[in-house]
Amino acid sequence: MPLTGWTLERAATQRGGGDATIDTKTGERRTWTQTRRRVDGMATALVGRGLRRGDRVGLLMLISARHFELWYAIPSAGLVMNDLNFRLAQSLDDVLATLERSGLTRSVSELRLHLKP
């Protein structure tokens, strides 16, 4: 089990009913037990989409509960996570160049970037 999976398992065991995430916009809360179940489901879904051990998955998203869950799910599925920092990009070309160099197998994004072409 990857270290990230171990830390999530420990949190769910020791603090199962405690808050793991709180969405500041909606107030939605998820416990550590709920988060662990969601992470397991996401890891299974990633593998079910044909990703194989060692494949690279890029995340281009704001910090959120879903981002947090994927941060655990990707390595738990045996995949390599590349958390892309769009805030360092000066233009869309910078983002595209980073994506091209990263060797991603799949990417996950929830953003609409408003960068200069």
C-alpha atoms as a PDB file:
ATOM      1  CA  MET A   1       0.000   0.000   0.000  1.00  0.00           C
ATOM      2  CA  PRO A   2       1.428   3.426  -0.913  1.00  0.00           C
ATOM      3  CA  LEU A   3       2.205   5.736   1.983  1.00  0.00           C
ATOM      4  CA  THR A   4      -0.679   7.999   0.991  1.00  0.00           C
ATOM      5  CA  GLY A   5      -3.096   5.052   1.221  1.00  0.00           C
ATOM      6  CA  TRP A   6      -1.719   4.101   4.607  1.00  0.00           C
ATOM      7  CA  THR A   7      -2.237   7.597   6.005  1.00  0.00           C
ATOM      8  CA  LEU A   8      -5.836   7.681   4.754  1.00  0.00           C
ATOM      9  CA  GLU A   9      -6.534   4.234   6.204  1.00  0.00           C
ATOM     10  CA  ARG A  10      -5.100   5.325   9.543  1.00  0.00           C
ATOM     11  CA  ALA A  11      -7.196   8.529   9.569  1.00  0.00           C
ATOM     12  CA  ALA A  12     -10.358   6.539   8.732  1.00  0.00           C
ATOM     13  CA  THR A  13      -9.590   4.023  11.479  1.00  0.00           C
ATOM     14  CA  GLN A  14      -8.720   6.555  14.174  1.00  0.00           C
ATOM     15  CA  ARG A  15     -11.058   9.409  13.236  1.00  0.00           C
ATOM     16  CA  GLY A  16     -13.685   7.709  11.062  1.00  0.00           C
ATOM     17  CA  GLY A  17     -16.598   9.971  11.968  1.00  0.00           C
ATOM     18  CA  GLY A  18     -14.551  13.165  12.091  1.00  0.00           C
ATOM     19  CA  ASP A  19     -14.516  15.705   9.285  1.00  0.00           C
ATOM     20  CA  ALA A  20     -12.037  15.023   6.513  1.00  0.00           C
ATOM     21  CA  THR A  21     -13.242  17.749   4.147  1.00  0.00           C
ATOM     22  CA  ILE A  22     -15.598  20.711   4.375  1.00  0.00           C
ATOM     23  CA  ASP A  23     -16.724  22.505   1.232  1.00  0.00           C
ATOM     24  CA  THR A  24     -16.618  26.183   2.154  1.00  0.00           C
ATOM     25  CA  LYS A  25     -19.082  27.122  -0.604  1.00  0.00           C
ATOM     26  CA  THR A  26     -21.810  24.564   0.134  1.00  0.00           C
ATOM     27  CA  GLY A  27     -20.988  23.542   3.698  1.00  0.00           C
ATOM     28  CA  GLU A  28     -20.945  19.867   2.638  1.00  0.00           C
ATOM     29  CA  ARG A  29     -18.867  17.743   5.002  1.00  0.00           C
ATOM     30  CA  ARG A  30     -17.341  14.319   4.464  1.00  0.00           C
ATOM     31  CA  THR A  31     -16.017  12.107   7.204  1.00  0.00           C
ATOM     32  CA  TRP A  32     -12.764  10.170   6.951  1.00  0.00           C
ATOM     33  CA  THR A  33     -14.761   6.954   6.479  1.00  0.00           C
ATOM     34  CA  GLN A  34     -16.785   8.483   3.628  1.00  0.00           C
ATOM     35  CA  THR A  35     -13.620   9.876   2.063  1.00  0.00           C
ATOM     36  CA  ARG A  36     -11.876   6.495   2.222  1.00  0.00           C
ATOM     37  CA  ARG A  37     -14.861   4.857   0.466  1.00  0.00           C
ATOM     38  CA  ARG A  38     -14.894   7.546  -2.233  1.00  0.00           C
ATOM     39  CA  VAL A  39     -11.136   7.214  -2.735  1.00  0.00           C
ATOM     40  CA  ASP A  40     -11.461   3.430  -3.108  1.00  0.00           C
ATOM     41  CA  GLY A  41     -14.224   3.962  -5.677  1.00  0.00           C
ATOM     42  CA  MET A  42     -12.170   6.512  -7.602  1.00  0.00           C
ATOM     43  CA  ALA A  43      -9.107   4.235  -7.640  1.00  0.00           C
ATOM     44  CA  THR A  44     -11.246   1.378  -8.964  1.00  0.00           C
ATOM     45  CA  ALA A  45     -12.781   3.664 -11.597  1.00  0.00           C
ATOM     46  CA  LEU A  46      -9.358   4.847 -12.790  1.00  0.00           C
ATOM     47  CA  VAL A  47      -8.198   1.261 -13.285  1.00  0.00           C
ATOM     48  CA  GLY A  48     -11.552   0.439 -14.886  1.00  0.00           C
ATOM     49  CA  ARG A  49     -10.875   3.122 -17.495  1.00  0.00           C
ATOM     50  CA  GLY A  50      -7.871   1.164 -18.688  1.00  0.00           C
ATOM     51  CA  LEU A  51      -5.108   2.891 -16.745  1.00  0.00           C
ATOM     52  CA  ARG A  52      -2.257   0.620 -15.744  1.00  0.00           C
ATOM     53  CA  ARG A  53       0.296   0.662 -12.953  1.00  0.00           C
ATOM     54  CA  GLY A  54       2.812   3.443 -13.587  1.00  0.00           C
ATOM     55  CA  ASP A  55       0.598   5.474 -15.950  1.00  0.00           C
ATOM     56  CA  ARG A  56       0.759   9.226 -15.338  1.00  0.00           C
ATOM     57  CA  VAL A  57      -2.383  11.141 -14.436  1.00  0.00           C
ATOM     58  CA  GLY A  58      -2.322  14.931 -14.427  1.00  0.00           C
ATOM     59  CA  LEU A  59      -4.519  17.047 -12.185  1.00  0.00           C
ATOM     60  CA  LEU A  60      -5.349  20.571 -13.283  1.00  0.00           C
ATOM     61  CA  MET A  61      -7.836  21.728 -10.702  1.00  0.00           C
ATOM     62  CA  LEU A  62      -8.332  24.011  -7.740  1.00  0.00           C
ATOM     63  CA  ILE A  63      -7.950  22.701  -4.224  1.00  0.00           C
ATOM     64  CA  SER A  64     -11.244  20.981  -3.381  1.00  0.00           C
ATOM     65  CA  ALA A  65     -12.642  17.850  -1.783  1.00  0.00           C
ATOM     66  CA  ARG A  66     -12.465  16.080  -5.159  1.00  0.00           C
ATOM     67  CA  HIS A  67      -8.830  17.156  -5.620  1.00  0.00           C
ATOM     68  CA  PHE A  68      -8.069  15.842  -2.121  1.00  0.00           C
ATOM     69  CA  GLU A  69      -9.729  12.501  -2.915  1.00  0.00           C
ATOM     70  CA  LEU A  70      -7.891  12.137  -6.229  1.00  0.00           C
ATOM     71  CA  TRP A  71      -4.636  12.942  -4.447  1.00  0.00           C
ATOM     72  CA  TYR A  72      -5.173   9.678  -2.546  1.00  0.00           C
ATOM     73  CA  ALA A  73      -6.932   7.659  -5.284  1.00  0.00           C
ATOM     74  CA  ILE A  74      -4.298   8.046  -8.000  1.00  0.00           C
ATOM     75  CA  PRO A  75      -1.352   6.539  -6.077  1.00  0.00           C
ATOM     76  CA  SER A  76      -3.674   3.994  -4.424  1.00  0.00           C
ATOM     77  CA  ALA A  77      -4.429   2.705  -7.938  1.00  0.00           C
ATOM     78  CA  GLY A  78      -0.687   2.343  -8.622  1.00  0.00           C
ATOM     79  CA  LEU A  79      -0.642   5.417 -10.848  1.00  0.00           C
ATOM     80  CA  VAL A  80       1.715   8.384 -10.850  1.00  0.00           C
ATOM     81  CA  MET A  81       0.157  11.752 -10.050  1.00  0.00           C
ATOM     82  CA  ASN A  82       1.343  14.939 -11.710  1.00  0.00           C
ATOM     83  CA  ASP A  83      -0.317  17.841  -9.907  1.00  0.00           C
ATOM     84  CA  LEU A  84      -0.055  20.659 -12.458  1.00  0.00           C
ATOM     85  CA  ASN A  85       0.263  24.188 -11.103  1.00  0.00           C
ATOM     86  CA  PHE A  86      -1.483  26.448 -13.599  1.00  0.00           C
ATOM     87  CA  ARG A  87      -0.778  29.491 -11.424  1.00  0.00           C
ATOM     88  CA  LEU A  88       2.848  29.434 -12.592  1.00  0.00           C
ATOM     89  CA  ALA A  89       1.803  29.662 -16.242  1.00  0.00           C
ATOM     90  CA  GLN A  90       1.980  32.990 -18.031  1.00  0.00           C
ATOM     91  CA  SER A  91      -0.034  31.818 -21.026  1.00  0.00           C
ATOM     92  CA  LEU A  92      -2.032  28.950 -22.454  1.00  0.00           C
ATOM     93  CA  ASP A  93       1.097  27.937 -24.399  1.00  0.00           C
ATOM     94  CA  ASP A  94       2.907  27.425 -21.061  1.00  0.00           C
ATOM     95  CA  VAL A  95       0.146  25.104 -19.849  1.00  0.00           C
ATOM     96  CA  LEU A  96       0.099  23.168 -23.119  1.00  0.00           C
ATOM     97  CA  ALA A  97       3.903  22.822 -23.132  1.00  0.00           C
ATOM     98  CA  THR A  98       3.839  21.485 -19.561  1.00  0.00           C
ATOM     99  CA  LEU A  99       1.125  18.994 -20.478  1.00  0.00           C
ATOM    100  CA  GLU A 100       3.095  17.851 -23.521  1.00  0.00           C
ATOM    101  CA  ARG A 101       6.367  17.372 -21.597  1.00  0.00           C
ATOM    102  CA  SER A 102       4.762  15.558 -18.671  1.00  0.00           C
ATOM    103  CA  GLY A 103       4.036  12.338 -20.584  1.00  0.00           C
ATOM    104  CA  LEU A 104       0.520  12.060 -19.188  1.00  0.00           C
ATOM    105  CA  THR A 105      -1.637   9.060 -19.959  1.00  0.00           C
ATOM    106  CA  ARG A 106      -4.779  10.846 -18.707  1.00  0.00           C
ATOM    107  CA  SER A 107      -5.631  14.206 -17.206  1.00  0.00           C
ATOM    108  CA  VAL A 108      -8.368  15.438 -14.904  1.00  0.00           C
ATOM    109  CA  SER A 109      -9.438  19.077 -14.993  1.00  0.00           C
ATOM    110  CA  GLU A 110     -12.268  21.126 -13.561  1.00  0.00           C
ATOM    111  CA  LEU A 111     -10.929  24.477 -14.688  1.00  0.00           C
ATOM    112  CA  ARG A 112     -11.737  27.004 -17.313  1.00  0.00           C
ATOM    113  CA  LEU A 113      -8.446  28.785 -17.731  1.00  0.00           C
ATOM    114  CA  HIS A 114      -8.459  32.411 -18.758  1.00  0.00           C
ATOM    115  CA  LEU A 115      -4.880  32.786 -19.949  1.00  0.00           C
ATOM    116  CA  LYS A 116      -3.454  34.875 -22.743  1.00  0.00           C
ATOM    117  CA  PRO A 117      -2.907  32.904 -26.004  1.00  0.00           C
END
